[in-house]
Amino acid sequence: MDTTSEGGVPSTDRVADEPHVEGASGSEGADSAVEVSPAEAERTARETVYRLLAVRARSRVELLRALSRAGVDSDTAHSVLDKFVDAGLVDDAAFAAEWVRSRHRQRGLGRRALEEELREKGVDDDAVSAALSTLDTEDEVSRARELVRRKLAGTTVTDPKVRMRRLVGMLARKGYGEALAFRVVREELEALDEEGHFDDAELVDPDP
C-alpha cells in the first residue's frame, strides 16, 4: 500500500535499507525482462530520487538522467518528479543559487566555470542568470586574489613572465575572465615585490 506525505510526495521509510535499484526489472537471472507494474516503476523512481537527494541537491535534469539509467520510463519519471517539485524538494532555482555559493567558496570557481557547470546540469537560462547575479565582481576579485596568493606561496619560480603566464592560466582554468585574471595577478605580483625591483615591462599580457 502506497502512502503519501505533505505536498503529494510518496513516503518511503524503506529508502535507507533498500539496495541500490539499477532498474525496474524482474527476478534475478530471468532470461527476459519482466513487465513492471506502474506502481513498481513509481516506487523505483521515488526511491532513486530520495537516495540521490540524500547525498546533495540536484537539478531536475540530473534526476531525469538518473531515472533513465535506472530503467524508469519517461512518463513515470516526469510524473514522480512533478510531485517532488510541487513539494519543494526539487527546485532548480534554489539548486543553482546554492551551487554557485558552494562551488565559488569551496573550489574558487569563477563565473564562466560556474555557468558551464549549471548548463551541463540542465538548469535553464533564467535560473542560471539569477544564480550568477548573486556573485558580484568584488566577490570574484577577492576569491581570485586568495587563489593567486596561495599559489605564489608554494612556488619557487622567479621569472616574471613565467609566473604571470602560470598564474593567469590557473585563474582561466578556474573560470575567471581574462581581464580580471590579468589585473589580479599583476597587482599581486607588484605587491609581492616589496623592494620595487619588479620590472613593469615584464608584466605584459601573455595572450595579447
N, C-alpha and C. Protein backbone atom coordinates (compact mmCIF):
# COMPACT_ATOMS: atom_id res chain seq x y z
N MET A 1 0.86 -1.18 0.00
CA MET A 1 0.00 0.00 0.00
C MET A 1 0.90 1.23 0.00
N ASP A 2 0.58 2.15 -0.88
CA ASP A 2 1.38 3.37 -1.02
C ASP A 2 0.80 4.46 -0.14
N THR A 3 1.67 5.20 0.56
CA THR A 3 1.22 6.31 1.38
C THR A 3 1.84 7.57 0.86
N THR A 4 1.21 8.71 1.15
CA THR A 4 1.76 9.98 0.68
C THR A 4 1.95 10.92 1.83
N SER A 5 2.93 11.80 1.69
CA SER A 5 3.22 12.81 2.69
C SER A 5 2.74 14.13 2.18
N GLU A 6 2.96 15.20 2.94
CA GLU A 6 2.54 16.52 2.53
C GLU A 6 3.16 16.88 1.21
N GLY A 7 2.43 17.60 0.37
CA GLY A 7 2.94 18.03 -0.94
C GLY A 7 2.74 16.97 -1.99
N GLY A 8 2.17 15.80 -1.63
CA GLY A 8 1.89 14.77 -2.61
C GLY A 8 3.06 13.88 -2.91
N VAL A 9 4.20 14.03 -2.18
CA VAL A 9 5.35 13.18 -2.41
C VAL A 9 5.20 11.92 -1.61
N PRO A 10 5.22 10.75 -2.27
CA PRO A 10 5.02 9.50 -1.54
C PRO A 10 6.08 9.29 -0.48
N SER A 11 5.65 8.71 0.63
CA SER A 11 6.55 8.42 1.73
C SER A 11 7.40 7.21 1.41
N THR A 12 8.63 7.16 1.93
CA THR A 12 9.49 6.00 1.72
C THR A 12 10.36 5.78 2.93
N ASP A 13 9.83 5.07 3.91
CA ASP A 13 10.59 4.77 5.11
C ASP A 13 11.64 3.72 4.85
N ARG A 14 11.55 3.05 3.69
CA ARG A 14 12.44 1.93 3.42
C ARG A 14 13.70 2.34 2.68
N VAL A 15 13.81 3.62 2.27
CA VAL A 15 14.91 4.02 1.38
C VAL A 15 16.27 3.65 1.93
N ALA A 16 16.54 3.97 3.20
CA ALA A 16 17.87 3.75 3.76
C ALA A 16 18.26 2.29 3.73
N ASP A 17 17.26 1.38 3.84
CA ASP A 17 17.57 -0.04 3.91
C ASP A 17 17.48 -0.74 2.56
N GLU A 18 17.01 -0.02 1.55
CA GLU A 18 16.83 -0.64 0.25
C GLU A 18 18.17 -0.73 -0.47
N PRO A 19 18.44 -1.81 -1.19
CA PRO A 19 19.64 -1.87 -2.03
C PRO A 19 19.49 -0.94 -3.20
N HIS A 20 20.61 -0.61 -3.83
CA HIS A 20 20.58 0.27 -5.00
C HIS A 20 19.77 -0.39 -6.10
N VAL A 21 18.83 0.33 -6.68
CA VAL A 21 17.98 -0.22 -7.72
C VAL A 21 18.50 0.24 -9.06
N GLU A 22 18.97 -0.69 -9.87
CA GLU A 22 19.52 -0.33 -11.17
C GLU A 22 18.43 -0.17 -12.20
N GLY A 23 17.31 -0.81 -12.01
CA GLY A 23 16.24 -0.68 -12.99
C GLY A 23 15.01 -1.40 -12.52
N ALA A 24 13.93 -1.16 -13.18
CA ALA A 24 12.68 -1.81 -12.82
C ALA A 24 12.63 -3.13 -13.54
N SER A 25 13.32 -4.14 -12.99
CA SER A 25 13.43 -5.43 -13.65
C SER A 25 12.80 -6.51 -12.81
N GLY A 26 12.64 -7.67 -13.38
CA GLY A 26 12.02 -8.79 -12.69
C GLY A 26 13.00 -9.54 -11.85
N SER A 27 12.75 -10.82 -11.59
CA SER A 27 13.59 -11.62 -10.71
C SER A 27 14.96 -11.81 -11.31
N GLU A 28 15.94 -12.00 -10.44
CA GLU A 28 17.32 -12.14 -10.86
C GLU A 28 17.49 -13.39 -11.68
N GLY A 29 18.21 -13.24 -12.79
CA GLY A 29 18.50 -14.40 -13.61
C GLY A 29 17.43 -14.68 -14.65
N ALA A 30 16.43 -13.85 -14.76
CA ALA A 30 15.40 -14.07 -15.75
C ALA A 30 15.99 -13.93 -17.14
N ASP A 31 15.49 -14.75 -18.08
CA ASP A 31 16.03 -14.72 -19.43
C ASP A 31 15.58 -13.46 -20.17
N SER A 32 14.46 -12.90 -19.81
CA SER A 32 13.99 -11.69 -20.47
C SER A 32 13.38 -10.77 -19.44
N ALA A 33 13.28 -9.49 -19.79
CA ALA A 33 12.76 -8.51 -18.86
C ALA A 33 11.31 -8.82 -18.52
N VAL A 34 10.99 -8.69 -17.26
CA VAL A 34 9.62 -8.92 -16.80
C VAL A 34 8.89 -7.59 -16.80
N GLU A 35 7.67 -7.60 -17.29
CA GLU A 35 6.90 -6.37 -17.33
C GLU A 35 6.68 -5.85 -15.91
N VAL A 36 6.90 -4.57 -15.74
CA VAL A 36 6.82 -3.96 -14.42
C VAL A 36 5.52 -3.17 -14.31
N SER A 37 4.89 -3.29 -13.17
CA SER A 37 3.63 -2.57 -12.96
C SER A 37 3.92 -1.09 -12.77
N PRO A 38 2.94 -0.23 -13.05
CA PRO A 38 3.12 1.20 -12.82
C PRO A 38 3.50 1.52 -11.38
N ALA A 39 2.91 0.80 -10.44
CA ALA A 39 3.21 1.05 -9.02
C ALA A 39 4.67 0.73 -8.71
N GLU A 40 5.16 -0.38 -9.28
CA GLU A 40 6.56 -0.75 -9.04
C GLU A 40 7.51 0.25 -9.69
N ALA A 41 7.18 0.71 -10.90
CA ALA A 41 8.02 1.69 -11.59
C ALA A 41 8.06 2.99 -10.79
N GLU A 42 6.93 3.38 -10.23
CA GLU A 42 6.90 4.60 -9.43
C GLU A 42 7.71 4.44 -8.15
N ARG A 43 7.62 3.27 -7.54
CA ARG A 43 8.40 3.04 -6.32
C ARG A 43 9.90 3.13 -6.62
N THR A 44 10.33 2.53 -7.73
CA THR A 44 11.73 2.60 -8.13
C THR A 44 12.17 4.05 -8.34
N ALA A 45 11.32 4.82 -9.04
CA ALA A 45 11.65 6.22 -9.29
C ALA A 45 11.73 7.00 -8.00
N ARG A 46 10.75 6.79 -7.13
CA ARG A 46 10.67 7.54 -5.88
C ARG A 46 11.90 7.27 -5.01
N GLU A 47 12.25 6.02 -4.88
CA GLU A 47 13.37 5.66 -4.01
C GLU A 47 14.70 6.11 -4.61
N THR A 48 14.81 6.08 -5.94
CA THR A 48 16.03 6.58 -6.58
C THR A 48 16.22 8.06 -6.32
N VAL A 49 15.14 8.82 -6.44
CA VAL A 49 15.22 10.27 -6.21
C VAL A 49 15.57 10.57 -4.76
N TYR A 50 14.91 9.89 -3.82
CA TYR A 50 15.22 10.12 -2.41
C TYR A 50 16.68 9.80 -2.11
N ARG A 51 17.16 8.71 -2.67
CA ARG A 51 18.55 8.30 -2.41
C ARG A 51 19.54 9.35 -2.92
N LEU A 52 19.28 9.89 -4.11
CA LEU A 52 20.17 10.89 -4.68
C LEU A 52 20.10 12.22 -3.93
N LEU A 53 18.89 12.62 -3.55
CA LEU A 53 18.75 13.88 -2.82
C LEU A 53 19.33 13.80 -1.42
N ALA A 54 19.46 12.60 -0.89
CA ALA A 54 20.06 12.45 0.44
C ALA A 54 21.54 12.77 0.41
N VAL A 55 22.15 12.68 -0.77
CA VAL A 55 23.58 12.97 -0.93
C VAL A 55 23.80 14.47 -1.13
N ARG A 56 23.03 15.06 -2.05
CA ARG A 56 23.10 16.51 -2.30
C ARG A 56 21.90 16.92 -3.14
N ALA A 57 21.63 18.23 -3.16
CA ALA A 57 20.57 18.75 -4.02
C ALA A 57 20.95 18.52 -5.48
N ARG A 58 19.95 18.32 -6.32
CA ARG A 58 20.20 18.07 -7.74
C ARG A 58 19.17 18.79 -8.59
N SER A 59 19.56 19.06 -9.82
CA SER A 59 18.63 19.68 -10.75
C SER A 59 17.65 18.63 -11.26
N ARG A 60 16.55 19.09 -11.81
CA ARG A 60 15.55 18.17 -12.36
C ARG A 60 16.15 17.33 -13.48
N VAL A 61 16.95 17.95 -14.34
CA VAL A 61 17.55 17.20 -15.45
C VAL A 61 18.50 16.13 -14.93
N GLU A 62 19.28 16.43 -13.91
CA GLU A 62 20.16 15.42 -13.32
C GLU A 62 19.35 14.21 -12.85
N LEU A 63 18.23 14.48 -12.20
CA LEU A 63 17.39 13.39 -11.69
C LEU A 63 16.74 12.62 -12.82
N LEU A 64 16.31 13.31 -13.86
CA LEU A 64 15.74 12.62 -15.02
C LEU A 64 16.76 11.68 -15.65
N ARG A 65 17.99 12.13 -15.75
CA ARG A 65 19.04 11.28 -16.32
C ARG A 65 19.27 10.05 -15.45
N ALA A 66 19.28 10.25 -14.14
CA ALA A 66 19.48 9.14 -13.21
C ALA A 66 18.33 8.14 -13.30
N LEU A 67 17.12 8.62 -13.41
CA LEU A 67 15.96 7.73 -13.52
C LEU A 67 16.00 6.95 -14.83
N SER A 68 16.45 7.60 -15.88
CA SER A 68 16.58 6.90 -17.16
C SER A 68 17.59 5.77 -17.05
N ARG A 69 18.72 6.04 -16.37
CA ARG A 69 19.73 4.99 -16.17
C ARG A 69 19.19 3.85 -15.31
N ALA A 70 18.25 4.18 -14.41
CA ALA A 70 17.67 3.16 -13.54
C ALA A 70 16.57 2.37 -14.24
N GLY A 71 16.31 2.72 -15.49
CA GLY A 71 15.32 1.97 -16.26
C GLY A 71 13.90 2.45 -16.08
N VAL A 72 13.72 3.63 -15.51
CA VAL A 72 12.38 4.17 -15.31
C VAL A 72 11.90 4.84 -16.59
N ASP A 73 10.68 4.53 -17.01
CA ASP A 73 10.17 5.13 -18.24
C ASP A 73 9.95 6.63 -18.06
N SER A 74 9.95 7.34 -19.18
CA SER A 74 9.91 8.79 -19.15
C SER A 74 8.64 9.33 -18.49
N ASP A 75 7.49 8.75 -18.80
CA ASP A 75 6.24 9.26 -18.23
C ASP A 75 6.24 9.15 -16.70
N THR A 76 6.70 8.00 -16.20
CA THR A 76 6.75 7.82 -14.75
C THR A 76 7.76 8.77 -14.12
N ALA A 77 8.91 8.93 -14.76
CA ALA A 77 9.95 9.82 -14.24
C ALA A 77 9.43 11.24 -14.10
N HIS A 78 8.79 11.74 -15.14
CA HIS A 78 8.28 13.11 -15.10
C HIS A 78 7.17 13.25 -14.07
N SER A 79 6.32 12.25 -13.97
CA SER A 79 5.21 12.29 -13.02
C SER A 79 5.73 12.34 -11.58
N VAL A 80 6.70 11.49 -11.27
CA VAL A 80 7.26 11.46 -9.92
C VAL A 80 7.98 12.77 -9.61
N LEU A 81 8.76 13.26 -10.55
CA LEU A 81 9.50 14.50 -10.30
C LEU A 81 8.57 15.70 -10.16
N ASP A 82 7.44 15.68 -10.86
CA ASP A 82 6.46 16.75 -10.68
C ASP A 82 6.01 16.82 -9.22
N LYS A 83 5.85 15.66 -8.58
CA LYS A 83 5.42 15.62 -7.19
C LYS A 83 6.52 16.18 -6.27
N PHE A 84 7.76 15.87 -6.59
CA PHE A 84 8.87 16.39 -5.79
C PHE A 84 9.00 17.91 -5.97
N VAL A 85 8.76 18.38 -7.18
CA VAL A 85 8.78 19.83 -7.43
C VAL A 85 7.67 20.52 -6.66
N ASP A 86 6.46 19.95 -6.72
CA ASP A 86 5.33 20.52 -6.00
C ASP A 86 5.57 20.58 -4.50
N ALA A 87 6.31 19.60 -3.99
CA ALA A 87 6.61 19.57 -2.55
C ALA A 87 7.80 20.44 -2.18
N GLY A 88 8.45 21.05 -3.19
CA GLY A 88 9.60 21.91 -2.92
C GLY A 88 10.90 21.17 -2.69
N LEU A 89 10.92 19.88 -2.99
CA LEU A 89 12.13 19.08 -2.78
C LEU A 89 13.07 19.12 -3.98
N VAL A 90 12.55 19.50 -5.12
CA VAL A 90 13.36 19.70 -6.32
C VAL A 90 13.05 21.11 -6.81
N ASP A 91 14.06 21.96 -6.82
CA ASP A 91 13.88 23.37 -7.17
C ASP A 91 15.14 23.85 -7.88
N ASP A 92 15.07 23.98 -9.19
CA ASP A 92 16.26 24.33 -9.97
C ASP A 92 16.84 25.69 -9.59
N ALA A 93 15.98 26.66 -9.28
CA ALA A 93 16.48 27.99 -8.93
C ALA A 93 17.26 27.94 -7.63
N ALA A 94 16.71 27.26 -6.63
CA ALA A 94 17.40 27.13 -5.35
C ALA A 94 18.68 26.30 -5.49
N PHE A 95 18.60 25.25 -6.30
CA PHE A 95 19.78 24.42 -6.55
C PHE A 95 20.90 25.24 -7.17
N ALA A 96 20.56 26.05 -8.19
CA ALA A 96 21.57 26.85 -8.88
C ALA A 96 22.21 27.87 -7.95
N ALA A 97 21.40 28.52 -7.13
CA ALA A 97 21.93 29.52 -6.20
C ALA A 97 22.90 28.89 -5.20
N GLU A 98 22.53 27.74 -4.67
CA GLU A 98 23.40 27.06 -3.71
C GLU A 98 24.66 26.53 -4.39
N TRP A 99 24.52 26.06 -5.63
CA TRP A 99 25.68 25.55 -6.38
C TRP A 99 26.71 26.66 -6.57
N VAL A 100 26.24 27.84 -6.95
CA VAL A 100 27.15 28.97 -7.15
C VAL A 100 27.85 29.33 -5.85
N ARG A 101 27.10 29.42 -4.76
CA ARG A 101 27.70 29.77 -3.46
C ARG A 101 28.76 28.76 -3.04
N SER A 102 28.41 27.49 -3.10
CA SER A 102 29.32 26.47 -2.57
C SER A 102 30.53 26.26 -3.47
N ARG A 103 30.33 26.23 -4.78
CA ARG A 103 31.46 25.99 -5.69
C ARG A 103 32.41 27.19 -5.74
N HIS A 104 31.85 28.40 -5.60
CA HIS A 104 32.72 29.57 -5.56
C HIS A 104 33.52 29.60 -4.26
N ARG A 105 32.87 29.28 -3.16
CA ARG A 105 33.52 29.33 -1.86
C ARG A 105 34.52 28.18 -1.68
N GLN A 106 34.12 26.98 -2.01
CA GLN A 106 34.94 25.81 -1.73
C GLN A 106 35.98 25.52 -2.80
N ARG A 107 35.62 25.74 -4.08
CA ARG A 107 36.54 25.43 -5.17
C ARG A 107 37.14 26.67 -5.80
N GLY A 108 36.65 27.84 -5.45
CA GLY A 108 37.18 29.06 -6.02
C GLY A 108 36.84 29.25 -7.48
N LEU A 109 35.74 28.68 -7.95
CA LEU A 109 35.40 28.78 -9.36
C LEU A 109 34.86 30.16 -9.70
N GLY A 110 35.21 30.63 -10.89
CA GLY A 110 34.74 31.91 -11.38
C GLY A 110 33.43 31.78 -12.13
N ARG A 111 32.91 32.91 -12.57
CA ARG A 111 31.59 32.99 -13.20
C ARG A 111 31.47 32.06 -14.41
N ARG A 112 32.47 32.08 -15.28
CA ARG A 112 32.39 31.29 -16.51
C ARG A 112 32.30 29.79 -16.22
N ALA A 113 33.12 29.30 -15.30
CA ALA A 113 33.09 27.88 -14.95
C ALA A 113 31.77 27.49 -14.30
N LEU A 114 31.27 28.36 -13.44
CA LEU A 114 30.00 28.09 -12.77
C LEU A 114 28.85 28.02 -13.77
N GLU A 115 28.86 28.94 -14.73
CA GLU A 115 27.82 28.92 -15.75
C GLU A 115 27.86 27.63 -16.57
N GLU A 116 29.05 27.20 -16.94
CA GLU A 116 29.19 25.97 -17.72
C GLU A 116 28.69 24.76 -16.93
N GLU A 117 29.00 24.71 -15.64
CA GLU A 117 28.55 23.58 -14.82
C GLU A 117 27.03 23.55 -14.71
N LEU A 118 26.42 24.70 -14.49
CA LEU A 118 24.96 24.74 -14.34
C LEU A 118 24.26 24.36 -15.65
N ARG A 119 24.79 24.82 -16.76
CA ARG A 119 24.17 24.46 -18.04
C ARG A 119 24.33 22.97 -18.32
N GLU A 120 25.47 22.40 -17.93
CA GLU A 120 25.66 20.96 -18.11
C GLU A 120 24.65 20.17 -17.29
N LYS A 121 24.21 20.74 -16.18
CA LYS A 121 23.24 20.07 -15.31
C LYS A 121 21.80 20.36 -15.73
N GLY A 122 21.63 21.06 -16.84
CA GLY A 122 20.31 21.26 -17.40
C GLY A 122 19.51 22.40 -16.79
N VAL A 123 20.18 23.28 -16.06
CA VAL A 123 19.47 24.42 -15.46
C VAL A 123 19.17 25.44 -16.56
N ASP A 124 17.95 25.97 -16.56
CA ASP A 124 17.57 26.88 -17.64
C ASP A 124 18.23 28.26 -17.49
N ASP A 125 18.14 29.04 -18.56
CA ASP A 125 18.85 30.33 -18.64
C ASP A 125 18.47 31.28 -17.51
N ASP A 126 17.18 31.36 -17.22
CA ASP A 126 16.73 32.30 -16.18
C ASP A 126 17.31 31.94 -14.82
N ALA A 127 17.31 30.66 -14.48
CA ALA A 127 17.84 30.23 -13.18
C ALA A 127 19.35 30.42 -13.12
N VAL A 128 20.02 30.17 -14.23
CA VAL A 128 21.48 30.37 -14.28
C VAL A 128 21.81 31.85 -14.06
N SER A 129 21.11 32.72 -14.79
CA SER A 129 21.37 34.16 -14.67
C SER A 129 21.09 34.65 -13.26
N ALA A 130 19.99 34.20 -12.67
CA ALA A 130 19.65 34.63 -11.32
C ALA A 130 20.70 34.18 -10.32
N ALA A 131 21.19 32.96 -10.47
CA ALA A 131 22.19 32.44 -9.54
C ALA A 131 23.51 33.20 -9.68
N LEU A 132 23.93 33.46 -10.91
CA LEU A 132 25.19 34.16 -11.13
C LEU A 132 25.12 35.62 -10.71
N SER A 133 23.91 36.18 -10.69
CA SER A 133 23.76 37.57 -10.29
C SER A 133 24.08 37.78 -8.81
N THR A 134 24.09 36.70 -8.04
CA THR A 134 24.42 36.81 -6.62
C THR A 134 25.93 36.90 -6.42
N LEU A 135 26.68 36.65 -7.48
CA LEU A 135 28.14 36.69 -7.41
C LEU A 135 28.61 37.98 -8.06
N ASP A 136 28.97 38.99 -7.26
CA ASP A 136 29.40 40.25 -7.87
C ASP A 136 30.90 40.24 -8.16
N THR A 137 31.33 41.27 -8.87
CA THR A 137 32.72 41.33 -9.31
C THR A 137 33.70 41.32 -8.15
N GLU A 138 33.36 42.02 -7.08
CA GLU A 138 34.26 42.07 -5.93
C GLU A 138 34.41 40.69 -5.28
N ASP A 139 33.34 39.89 -5.29
CA ASP A 139 33.44 38.52 -4.79
C ASP A 139 34.47 37.74 -5.60
N GLU A 140 34.37 37.88 -6.92
CA GLU A 140 35.30 37.16 -7.79
C GLU A 140 36.73 37.64 -7.59
N VAL A 141 36.92 38.96 -7.52
CA VAL A 141 38.26 39.52 -7.34
C VAL A 141 38.86 39.01 -6.03
N SER A 142 38.09 39.05 -4.97
CA SER A 142 38.58 38.61 -3.67
C SER A 142 39.00 37.15 -3.69
N ARG A 143 38.17 36.31 -4.30
CA ARG A 143 38.49 34.87 -4.34
C ARG A 143 39.68 34.62 -5.25
N ALA A 144 39.76 35.36 -6.35
CA ALA A 144 40.90 35.20 -7.27
C ALA A 144 42.21 35.58 -6.57
N ARG A 145 42.18 36.64 -5.76
CA ARG A 145 43.38 37.03 -5.01
C ARG A 145 43.83 35.92 -4.06
N GLU A 146 42.87 35.30 -3.39
CA GLU A 146 43.20 34.22 -2.48
C GLU A 146 43.89 33.08 -3.21
N LEU A 147 43.37 32.74 -4.38
CA LEU A 147 43.95 31.65 -5.18
C LEU A 147 45.37 32.00 -5.62
N VAL A 148 45.58 33.24 -6.06
CA VAL A 148 46.90 33.66 -6.52
C VAL A 148 47.90 33.67 -5.37
N ARG A 149 47.49 34.19 -4.22
CA ARG A 149 48.40 34.24 -3.07
C ARG A 149 48.78 32.84 -2.60
N ARG A 150 47.81 31.95 -2.63
CA ARG A 150 48.10 30.57 -2.23
C ARG A 150 49.08 29.92 -3.19
N LYS A 151 48.88 30.19 -4.48
CA LYS A 151 49.77 29.62 -5.49
C LYS A 151 51.18 30.20 -5.36
N LEU A 152 51.28 31.51 -5.14
CA LEU A 152 52.58 32.15 -5.00
C LEU A 152 53.34 31.63 -3.79
N ALA A 153 52.60 31.32 -2.73
CA ALA A 153 53.25 30.85 -1.50
C ALA A 153 53.95 29.52 -1.70
N GLY A 154 53.49 28.77 -2.70
CA GLY A 154 54.08 27.45 -2.90
C GLY A 154 54.94 27.34 -4.14
N THR A 155 55.29 28.47 -4.77
CA THR A 155 56.09 28.41 -5.99
C THR A 155 57.50 28.93 -5.76
N THR A 156 58.42 28.39 -6.52
CA THR A 156 59.82 28.83 -6.45
C THR A 156 60.23 29.53 -7.75
N VAL A 157 59.29 29.66 -8.67
CA VAL A 157 59.58 30.30 -9.95
C VAL A 157 59.76 31.80 -9.73
N THR A 158 60.82 32.36 -10.27
CA THR A 158 61.10 33.79 -10.10
C THR A 158 60.96 34.57 -11.40
N ASP A 159 61.01 33.89 -12.54
CA ASP A 159 60.91 34.60 -13.81
C ASP A 159 59.53 35.25 -13.93
N PRO A 160 59.47 36.58 -14.09
CA PRO A 160 58.18 37.30 -14.12
C PRO A 160 57.23 36.80 -15.20
N LYS A 161 57.75 36.56 -16.40
CA LYS A 161 56.88 36.12 -17.49
C LYS A 161 56.28 34.75 -17.20
N VAL A 162 57.09 33.87 -16.66
CA VAL A 162 56.61 32.51 -16.35
C VAL A 162 55.57 32.57 -15.24
N ARG A 163 55.86 33.36 -14.21
CA ARG A 163 54.89 33.48 -13.11
C ARG A 163 53.57 34.07 -13.61
N MET A 164 53.66 35.11 -14.42
CA MET A 164 52.46 35.73 -14.95
C MET A 164 51.64 34.73 -15.77
N ARG A 165 52.32 34.01 -16.67
CA ARG A 165 51.63 33.06 -17.54
C ARG A 165 50.96 31.95 -16.74
N ARG A 166 51.67 31.42 -15.76
CA ARG A 166 51.12 30.31 -14.98
C ARG A 166 49.95 30.75 -14.10
N LEU A 167 50.07 31.93 -13.50
CA LEU A 167 49.01 32.39 -12.61
C LEU A 167 47.75 32.77 -13.38
N VAL A 168 47.92 33.47 -14.50
CA VAL A 168 46.76 33.81 -15.32
C VAL A 168 46.11 32.55 -15.86
N GLY A 169 46.94 31.58 -16.26
CA GLY A 169 46.40 30.31 -16.76
C GLY A 169 45.62 29.56 -15.68
N MET A 170 46.13 29.61 -14.45
CA MET A 170 45.44 28.96 -13.34
C MET A 170 44.06 29.57 -13.12
N LEU A 171 43.98 30.90 -13.15
CA LEU A 171 42.70 31.56 -12.96
C LEU A 171 41.75 31.30 -14.14
N ALA A 172 42.30 31.24 -15.33
CA ALA A 172 41.47 30.95 -16.50
C ALA A 172 40.84 29.56 -16.39
N ARG A 173 41.62 28.60 -15.91
CA ARG A 173 41.09 27.24 -15.75
C ARG A 173 40.00 27.20 -14.68
N LYS A 174 40.05 28.13 -13.74
CA LYS A 174 39.04 28.21 -12.70
C LYS A 174 37.79 28.97 -13.16
N GLY A 175 37.84 29.50 -14.38
CA GLY A 175 36.66 30.17 -14.91
C GLY A 175 36.63 31.66 -14.76
N TYR A 176 37.78 32.29 -14.49
CA TYR A 176 37.83 33.75 -14.37
C TYR A 176 38.11 34.37 -15.72
N GLY A 177 37.50 35.53 -15.97
CA GLY A 177 37.71 36.23 -17.22
C GLY A 177 39.15 36.69 -17.37
N GLU A 178 39.58 36.84 -18.61
CA GLU A 178 40.98 37.18 -18.88
C GLU A 178 41.38 38.53 -18.27
N ALA A 179 40.54 39.54 -18.44
CA ALA A 179 40.85 40.87 -17.93
C ALA A 179 40.98 40.87 -16.41
N LEU A 180 40.04 40.21 -15.74
CA LEU A 180 40.07 40.13 -14.28
C LEU A 180 41.31 39.37 -13.82
N ALA A 181 41.58 38.25 -14.48
CA ALA A 181 42.73 37.43 -14.09
C ALA A 181 44.03 38.20 -14.24
N PHE A 182 44.21 38.88 -15.37
CA PHE A 182 45.44 39.62 -15.60
C PHE A 182 45.61 40.74 -14.58
N ARG A 183 44.52 41.45 -14.28
CA ARG A 183 44.59 42.56 -13.32
C ARG A 183 44.96 42.07 -11.92
N VAL A 184 44.32 40.99 -11.48
CA VAL A 184 44.60 40.46 -10.14
C VAL A 184 46.03 39.96 -10.04
N VAL A 185 46.48 39.23 -11.04
CA VAL A 185 47.85 38.69 -11.00
C VAL A 185 48.86 39.82 -11.01
N ARG A 186 48.65 40.80 -11.86
CA ARG A 186 49.57 41.95 -11.92
C ARG A 186 49.67 42.64 -10.57
N GLU A 187 48.52 42.91 -9.96
CA GLU A 187 48.51 43.60 -8.67
C GLU A 187 49.17 42.78 -7.57
N GLU A 188 48.95 41.49 -7.58
CA GLU A 188 49.53 40.64 -6.55
C GLU A 188 51.05 40.50 -6.72
N LEU A 189 51.50 40.43 -7.96
CA LEU A 189 52.95 40.35 -8.20
C LEU A 189 53.63 41.66 -7.84
N GLU A 190 52.98 42.75 -8.12
CA GLU A 190 53.55 44.05 -7.76
C GLU A 190 53.63 44.20 -6.23
N ALA A 191 52.58 43.73 -5.55
CA ALA A 191 52.58 43.81 -4.09
C ALA A 191 53.64 42.91 -3.49
N LEU A 192 53.93 41.81 -4.17
CA LEU A 192 54.92 40.87 -3.67
C LEU A 192 56.33 41.43 -3.74
N ASP A 193 56.55 42.31 -4.72
CA ASP A 193 57.87 42.87 -4.91
C ASP A 193 58.05 44.07 -3.97
N GLU A 194 58.29 43.81 -2.75
CA GLU A 194 58.35 44.85 -1.71
C GLU A 194 59.49 45.84 -1.94
N GLU A 195 60.59 45.41 -2.59
CA GLU A 195 61.74 46.28 -2.76
C GLU A 195 61.69 47.08 -4.05
N GLY A 196 60.60 46.86 -4.83
CA GLY A 196 60.44 47.68 -6.04
C GLY A 196 61.30 47.28 -7.20
N HIS A 197 61.81 46.04 -7.21
CA HIS A 197 62.67 45.61 -8.31
C HIS A 197 61.89 44.93 -9.42
N PHE A 198 60.59 44.86 -9.27
CA PHE A 198 59.79 44.20 -10.28
C PHE A 198 59.71 45.08 -11.51
N ASP A 199 60.05 44.55 -12.65
CA ASP A 199 60.10 45.32 -13.89
C ASP A 199 58.73 45.32 -14.56
N ASP A 200 58.09 46.49 -14.60
CA ASP A 200 56.76 46.59 -15.20
C ASP A 200 56.77 46.14 -16.66
N ALA A 201 57.91 46.27 -17.31
CA ALA A 201 57.98 45.89 -18.71
C ALA A 201 57.75 44.39 -18.89
N GLU A 202 58.03 43.64 -17.82
CA GLU A 202 57.83 42.19 -17.90
C GLU A 202 56.37 41.82 -17.73
N LEU A 203 55.54 42.74 -17.21
CA LEU A 203 54.15 42.44 -16.93
C LEU A 203 53.30 42.70 -18.16
N VAL A 204 53.50 41.87 -19.16
CA VAL A 204 52.72 42.00 -20.39
C VAL A 204 51.68 40.89 -20.43
N ASP A 205 50.59 41.19 -21.10
CA ASP A 205 49.54 40.19 -21.22
C ASP A 205 50.09 38.97 -21.98
N PRO A 206 50.06 37.78 -21.38
CA PRO A 206 50.61 36.60 -22.03
C PRO A 206 49.81 36.19 -23.25
N ASP A 207 48.60 36.69 -23.39
CA ASP A 207 47.77 36.35 -24.55
C ASP A 207 47.22 37.61 -25.18
N PRO A 208 48.05 38.40 -25.85
CA PRO A 208 47.62 39.68 -26.41
C PRO A 208 46.57 39.45 -27.51
